[in-house]
Amino acid sequence: MQAALATVLAGRTALIIAHRLSTVLVADRVLVLSEGEVIEDGPPLQLITGTGHFANLHTAWRTALA
């Protein structure tokens, strides 16, 4: 799915709403919403290496895969 998305979205702007973190890793920019408010905004790698909500979700997801 991620490879197909990368191919289809190449050179395009798209809005992707996803619950799977692996889906948004191909994005240039991620907006994290909570109760209708943007609480984080940035490239996936920046958010993953940060200390915010997205980083916590990513850590929990990776732990669950192990």
PDB file of N, CA and C in Angstrom:
ATOM      1  N   MET A   1       0.826  -1.195   0.000  1.00  0.00           N
ATOM      2  CA  MET A   1       0.000   0.000   0.000  1.00  0.00           C
ATOM      3  C   MET A   1       0.873   1.264   0.000  1.00  0.00           C
ATOM      4  N   GLN A   2       1.885   1.293   0.853  1.00  0.00           N
ATOM      5  CA  GLN A   2       2.734   2.481   0.929  1.00  0.00           C
ATOM      6  C   GLN A   2       3.486   2.722  -0.375  1.00  0.00           C
ATOM      7  N   ALA A   3       3.968   1.647  -1.011  1.00  0.00           N
ATOM      8  CA  ALA A   3       4.679   1.799  -2.286  1.00  0.00           C
ATOM      9  C   ALA A   3       3.736   2.344  -3.361  1.00  0.00           C
ATOM     10  N   ALA A   4       2.516   1.850  -3.374  1.00  0.00           N
ATOM     11  CA  ALA A   4       1.529   2.326  -4.342  1.00  0.00           C
ATOM     12  C   ALA A   4       1.210   3.797  -4.103  1.00  0.00           C
ATOM     13  N   LEU A   5       1.063   4.181  -2.843  1.00  0.00           N
ATOM     14  CA  LEU A   5       0.794   5.587  -2.516  1.00  0.00           C
ATOM     15  C   LEU A   5       1.937   6.475  -2.988  1.00  0.00           C
ATOM     16  N   ALA A   6       3.160   6.057  -2.744  1.00  0.00           N
ATOM     17  CA  ALA A   6       4.320   6.852  -3.149  1.00  0.00           C
ATOM     18  C   ALA A   6       4.316   7.063  -4.660  1.00  0.00           C
ATOM     19  N   THR A   7       3.972   6.038  -5.400  1.00  0.00           N
ATOM     20  CA  THR A   7       3.924   6.138  -6.869  1.00  0.00           C
ATOM     21  C   THR A   7       2.794   7.050  -7.325  1.00  0.00           C
ATOM     22  N   VAL A   8       1.613   6.836  -6.804  1.00  0.00           N
ATOM     23  CA  VAL A   8       0.437   7.606  -7.214  1.00  0.00           C
ATOM     24  C   VAL A   8       0.550   9.072  -6.817  1.00  0.00           C
ATOM     25  N   LEU A   9       1.148   9.346  -5.672  1.00  0.00           N
ATOM     26  CA  LEU A   9       1.207  10.715  -5.164  1.00  0.00           C
ATOM     27  C   LEU A   9       2.433  11.498  -5.619  1.00  0.00           C
ATOM     28  N   ALA A  10       3.350  10.863  -6.314  1.00  0.00           N
ATOM     29  CA  ALA A  10       4.567  11.544  -6.759  1.00  0.00           C
ATOM     30  C   ALA A  10       4.227  12.815  -7.527  1.00  0.00           C
ATOM     31  N   GLY A  11       4.752  13.933  -7.058  1.00  0.00           N
ATOM     32  CA  GLY A  11       4.531  15.209  -7.726  1.00  0.00           C
ATOM     33  C   GLY A  11       3.156  15.808  -7.513  1.00  0.00           C
ATOM     34  N   ARG A  12       2.392  15.262  -6.586  1.00  0.00           N
ATOM     35  CA  ARG A  12       1.026  15.746  -6.332  1.00  0.00           C
ATOM     36  C   ARG A  12       0.860  16.155  -4.879  1.00  0.00           C
ATOM     37  N   THR A  13      -0.145  16.949  -4.656  1.00  0.00           N
ATOM     38  CA  THR A  13      -0.545  17.296  -3.310  1.00  0.00           C
ATOM     39  C   THR A  13      -1.784  16.483  -2.974  1.00  0.00           C
ATOM     40  N   ALA A  14      -1.789  15.862  -1.800  1.00  0.00           N
ATOM     41  CA  ALA A  14      -2.935  15.044  -1.397  1.00  0.00           C
ATOM     42  C   ALA A  14      -3.146  15.176   0.104  1.00  0.00           C
ATOM     43  N   LEU A  15      -4.369  15.038   0.494  1.00  0.00           N
ATOM     44  CA  LEU A  15      -4.728  14.997   1.908  1.00  0.00           C
ATOM     45  C   LEU A  15      -5.036  13.545   2.237  1.00  0.00           C
ATOM     46  N   ILE A  16      -4.275  12.984   3.166  1.00  0.00           N
ATOM     47  CA  ILE A  16      -4.470  11.593   3.568  1.00  0.00           C
ATOM     48  C   ILE A  16      -4.865  11.583   5.033  1.00  0.00           C
ATOM     49  N   ILE A  17      -5.984  10.986   5.321  1.00  0.00           N
ATOM     50  CA  ILE A  17      -6.422  10.821   6.707  1.00  0.00           C
ATOM     51  C   ILE A  17      -6.204   9.362   7.041  1.00  0.00           C
ATOM     52  N   ALA A  18      -5.385   9.114   8.064  1.00  0.00           N
ATOM     53  CA  ALA A  18      -5.001   7.730   8.349  1.00  0.00           C
ATOM     54  C   ALA A  18      -4.877   7.480   9.844  1.00  0.00           C
ATOM     55  N   HIS A  19      -5.150   6.260  10.211  1.00  0.00           N
ATOM     56  CA  HIS A  19      -4.928   5.820  11.581  1.00  0.00           C
ATOM     57  C   HIS A  19      -3.639   5.008  11.670  1.00  0.00           C
ATOM     58  N   ARG A  20      -3.229   4.427  10.554  1.00  0.00           N
ATOM     59  CA  ARG A  20      -1.985   3.647  10.530  1.00  0.00           C
ATOM     60  C   ARG A  20      -0.802   4.592  10.357  1.00  0.00           C
ATOM     61  N   LEU A  21       0.096   4.552  11.301  1.00  0.00           N
ATOM     62  CA  LEU A  21       1.254   5.439  11.235  1.00  0.00           C
ATOM     63  C   LEU A  21       2.132   5.143  10.028  1.00  0.00           C
ATOM     64  N   SER A  22       2.184   3.892   9.597  1.00  0.00           N
ATOM     65  CA  SER A  22       3.005   3.550   8.440  1.00  0.00           C
ATOM     66  C   SER A  22       2.519   4.264   7.178  1.00  0.00           C
ATOM     67  N   THR A  23       1.250   4.580   7.121  1.00  0.00           N
ATOM     68  CA  THR A  23       0.692   5.267   5.955  1.00  0.00           C
ATOM     69  C   THR A  23       1.208   6.691   5.855  1.00  0.00           C
ATOM     70  N   VAL A  24       1.351   7.368   6.961  1.00  0.00           N
ATOM     71  CA  VAL A  24       1.749   8.778   6.924  1.00  0.00           C
ATOM     72  C   VAL A  24       3.254   8.983   6.877  1.00  0.00           C
ATOM     73  N   LEU A  25       4.031   7.920   6.992  1.00  0.00           N
ATOM     74  CA  LEU A  25       5.485   8.062   6.955  1.00  0.00           C
ATOM     75  C   LEU A  25       5.985   8.531   5.596  1.00  0.00           C
ATOM     76  N   VAL A  26       5.201   8.349   4.528  1.00  0.00           N
ATOM     77  CA  VAL A  26       5.607   8.803   3.193  1.00  0.00           C
ATOM     78  C   VAL A  26       5.260  10.270   2.961  1.00  0.00           C
ATOM     79  N   ALA A  27       4.578  10.881   3.899  1.00  0.00           N
ATOM     80  CA  ALA A  27       4.137  12.270   3.740  1.00  0.00           C
ATOM     81  C   ALA A  27       5.297  13.242   3.923  1.00  0.00           C
ATOM     82  N   ASP A  28       5.165  14.407   3.316  1.00  0.00           N
ATOM     83  CA  ASP A  28       6.120  15.491   3.527  1.00  0.00           C
ATOM     84  C   ASP A  28       5.806  16.233   4.825  1.00  0.00           C
ATOM     85  N   ARG A  29       4.522  16.203   5.188  1.00  0.00           N
ATOM     86  CA  ARG A  29       4.064  16.972   6.350  1.00  0.00           C
ATOM     87  C   ARG A  29       2.930  16.217   7.021  1.00  0.00           C
ATOM     88  N   VAL A  30       2.948  16.207   8.350  1.00  0.00           N
ATOM     89  CA  VAL A  30       1.907  15.544   9.133  1.00  0.00           C
ATOM     90  C   VAL A  30       1.292  16.565  10.082  1.00  0.00           C
ATOM     91  N   LEU A  31      -0.028  16.565  10.128  1.00  0.00           N
ATOM     92  CA  LEU A  31      -0.744  17.373  11.114  1.00  0.00           C
ATOM     93  C   LEU A  31      -1.387  16.401  12.089  1.00  0.00           C
ATOM     94  N   VAL A  32      -1.132  16.604  13.373  1.00  0.00           N
ATOM     95  CA  VAL A  32      -1.729  15.762  14.410  1.00  0.00           C
ATOM     96  C   VAL A  32      -2.862  16.567  15.033  1.00  0.00           C
ATOM     97  N   LEU A  33      -4.061  15.986  15.023  1.00  0.00           N
ATOM     98  CA  LEU A  33      -5.239  16.657  15.563  1.00  0.00           C
ATOM     99  C   LEU A  33      -5.654  16.039  16.894  1.00  0.00           C
ATOM    100  N   SER A  34      -6.135  16.867  17.770  1.00  0.00           N
ATOM    101  CA  SER A  34      -6.720  16.413  19.027  1.00  0.00           C
ATOM    102  C   SER A  34      -7.896  17.315  19.337  1.00  0.00           C
ATOM    103  N   GLU A  35      -9.057  16.714  19.452  1.00  0.00           N
ATOM    104  CA  GLU A  35     -10.288  17.456  19.733  1.00  0.00           C
ATOM    105  C   GLU A  35     -10.493  18.607  18.753  1.00  0.00           C
ATOM    106  N   GLY A  36     -10.184  18.349  17.471  1.00  0.00           N
ATOM    107  CA  GLY A  36     -10.404  19.337  16.429  1.00  0.00           C
ATOM    108  C   GLY A  36      -9.344  20.411  16.313  1.00  0.00           C
ATOM    109  N   GLU A  37      -8.289  20.329  17.099  1.00  0.00           N
ATOM    110  CA  GLU A  37      -7.218  21.328  17.074  1.00  0.00           C
ATOM    111  C   GLU A  37      -5.923  20.680  16.597  1.00  0.00           C
ATOM    112  N   VAL A  38      -5.152  21.418  15.800  1.00  0.00           N
ATOM    113  CA  VAL A  38      -3.841  20.938  15.382  1.00  0.00           C
ATOM    114  C   VAL A  38      -2.898  21.096  16.571  1.00  0.00           C
ATOM    115  N   ILE A  39      -2.345  19.966  17.030  1.00  0.00           N
ATOM    116  CA  ILE A  39      -1.437  20.030  18.174  1.00  0.00           C
ATOM    117  C   ILE A  39       0.025  19.802  17.778  1.00  0.00           C
ATOM    118  N   GLU A  40       0.242  19.269  16.573  1.00  0.00           N
ATOM    119  CA  GLU A  40       1.606  19.096  16.057  1.00  0.00           C
ATOM    120  C   GLU A  40       1.564  19.227  14.544  1.00  0.00           C
ATOM    121  N   ASP A  41       2.670  19.709  13.985  1.00  0.00           N
ATOM    122  CA  ASP A  41       2.756  19.926  12.548  1.00  0.00           C
ATOM    123  C   ASP A  41       4.223  19.827  12.149  1.00  0.00           C
ATOM    124  N   GLY A  42       4.508  18.944  11.199  1.00  0.00           N
ATOM    125  CA  GLY A  42       5.886  18.852  10.725  1.00  0.00           C
ATOM    126  C   GLY A  42       6.114  17.601   9.916  1.00  0.00           C
ATOM    127  N   PRO A  43       7.342  17.435   9.439  1.00  0.00           N
ATOM    128  CA  PRO A  43       7.693  16.214   8.706  1.00  0.00           C
ATOM    129  C   PRO A  43       7.637  15.009   9.652  1.00  0.00           C
ATOM    130  N   PRO A  44       7.259  13.842   9.140  1.00  0.00           N
ATOM    131  CA  PRO A  44       7.137  12.670  10.013  1.00  0.00           C
ATOM    132  C   PRO A  44       8.382  12.393  10.845  1.00  0.00           C
ATOM    133  N   LEU A  45       9.564  12.434  10.230  1.00  0.00           N
ATOM    134  CA  LEU A  45      10.789  12.123  10.966  1.00  0.00           C
ATOM    135  C   LEU A  45      11.024  13.103  12.108  1.00  0.00           C
ATOM    136  N   GLN A  46      10.731  14.366  11.872  1.00  0.00           N
ATOM    137  CA  GLN A  46      10.890  15.377  12.926  1.00  0.00           C
ATOM    138  C   GLN A  46       9.939  15.083  14.083  1.00  0.00           C
ATOM    139  N   LEU A  47       8.701  14.726  13.776  1.00  0.00           N
ATOM    140  CA  LEU A  47       7.726  14.436  14.824  1.00  0.00           C
ATOM    141  C   LEU A  47       8.069  13.149  15.563  1.00  0.00           C
ATOM    142  N   ILE A  48       8.567  12.145  14.839  1.00  0.00           N
ATOM    143  CA  ILE A  48       8.931  10.871  15.467  1.00  0.00           C
ATOM    144  C   ILE A  48      10.078  11.060  16.458  1.00  0.00           C
ATOM    145  N   THR A  49      11.033  11.886  16.112  1.00  0.00           N
ATOM    146  CA  THR A  49      12.192  12.082  16.978  1.00  0.00           C
ATOM    147  C   THR A  49      11.958  13.126  18.057  1.00  0.00           C
ATOM    148  N   GLY A  50      10.781  13.711  18.058  1.00  0.00           N
ATOM    149  CA  GLY A  50      10.442  14.702  19.071  1.00  0.00           C
ATOM    150  C   GLY A  50       9.920  14.052  20.346  1.00  0.00           C
ATOM    151  N   THR A  51       9.226  14.843  21.138  1.00  0.00           N
ATOM    152  CA  THR A  51       8.705  14.365  22.425  1.00  0.00           C
ATOM    153  C   THR A  51       7.194  14.518  22.523  1.00  0.00           C
ATOM    154  N   GLY A  52       6.553  14.759  21.400  1.00  0.00           N
ATOM    155  CA  GLY A  52       5.115  15.031  21.413  1.00  0.00           C
ATOM    156  C   GLY A  52       4.248  13.791  21.264  1.00  0.00           C
ATOM    157  N   HIS A  53       2.991  14.046  20.952  1.00  0.00           N
ATOM    158  CA  HIS A  53       1.968  13.015  20.831  1.00  0.00           C
ATOM    159  C   HIS A  53       2.308  12.020  19.714  1.00  0.00           C
ATOM    160  N   PHE A  54       2.740  12.526  18.578  1.00  0.00           N
ATOM    161  CA  PHE A  54       3.077  11.647  17.453  1.00  0.00           C
ATOM    162  C   PHE A  54       4.243  10.735  17.810  1.00  0.00           C
ATOM    163  N   ALA A  55       5.253  11.263  18.476  1.00  0.00           N
ATOM    164  CA  ALA A  55       6.398  10.449  18.900  1.00  0.00           C
ATOM    165  C   ALA A  55       5.946   9.352  19.849  1.00  0.00           C
ATOM    166  N   ASN A  56       5.056   9.681  20.773  1.00  0.00           N
ATOM    167  CA  ASN A  56       4.536   8.683  21.714  1.00  0.00           C
ATOM    168  C   ASN A  56       3.737   7.605  20.990  1.00  0.00           C
ATOM    169  N   LEU A  57       2.905   8.012  20.032  1.00  0.00           N
ATOM    170  CA  LEU A  57       2.150   7.042  19.243  1.00  0.00           C
ATOM    171  C   LEU A  57       3.082   6.138  18.447  1.00  0.00           C
ATOM    172  N   HIS A  58       4.101   6.730  17.858  1.00  0.00           N
ATOM    173  CA  HIS A  58       5.039   5.949  17.056  1.00  0.00           C
ATOM    174  C   HIS A  58       5.798   4.936  17.919  1.00  0.00           C
ATOM    175  N   THR A  59       6.220   5.345  19.089  1.00  0.00           N
ATOM    176  CA  THR A  59       6.922   4.440  20.018  1.00  0.00           C
ATOM    177  C   THR A  59       6.015   3.287  20.420  1.00  0.00           C
ATOM    178  N   ALA A  60       4.764   3.589  20.751  1.00  0.00           N
ATOM    179  CA  ALA A  60       3.810   2.538  21.143  1.00  0.00           C
ATOM    180  C   ALA A  60       3.563   1.586  19.984  1.00  0.00           C
ATOM    181  N   TRP A  61       3.459   2.116  18.765  1.00  0.00           N
ATOM    182  CA  TRP A  61       3.230   1.289  17.581  1.00  0.00           C
ATOM    183  C   TRP A  61       4.417   0.367  17.342  1.00  0.00           C
ATOM    184  N   ARG A  62       5.641   0.898  17.399  1.00  0.00           N
ATOM    185  CA  ARG A  62       6.833   0.088  17.179  1.00  0.00           C
ATOM    186  C   ARG A  62       6.970  -0.997  18.261  1.00  0.00           C
ATOM    187  N   THR A  63       6.638  -0.661  19.477  1.00  0.00           N
ATOM    188  CA  THR A  63       6.699  -1.620  20.585  1.00  0.00           C
ATOM    189  C   THR A  63       5.702  -2.751  20.360  1.00  0.00           C
ATOM    190  N   ALA A  64       4.519  -2.412  19.872  1.00  0.00           N
ATOM    191  CA  ALA A  64       3.483  -3.418  19.631  1.00  0.00           C
ATOM    192  C   ALA A  64       3.882  -4.370  18.507  1.00  0.00           C
ATOM    193  N   LEU A  65       4.709  -3.915  17.568  1.00  0.00           N
ATOM    194  CA  LEU A  65       5.150  -4.754  16.463  1.00  0.00           C
ATOM    195  C   LEU A  65       6.225  -5.746  16.879  1.00  0.00           C
ATOM    196  N   ALA A  66       6.936  -5.421  17.938  1.00  0.00           N
ATOM    197  CA  ALA A  66       8.065  -6.270  18.376  1.00  0.00           C
ATOM    198  C   ALA A  66       7.604  -7.544  19.048  1.00  0.00           C
TER     199      ALA A  66
END
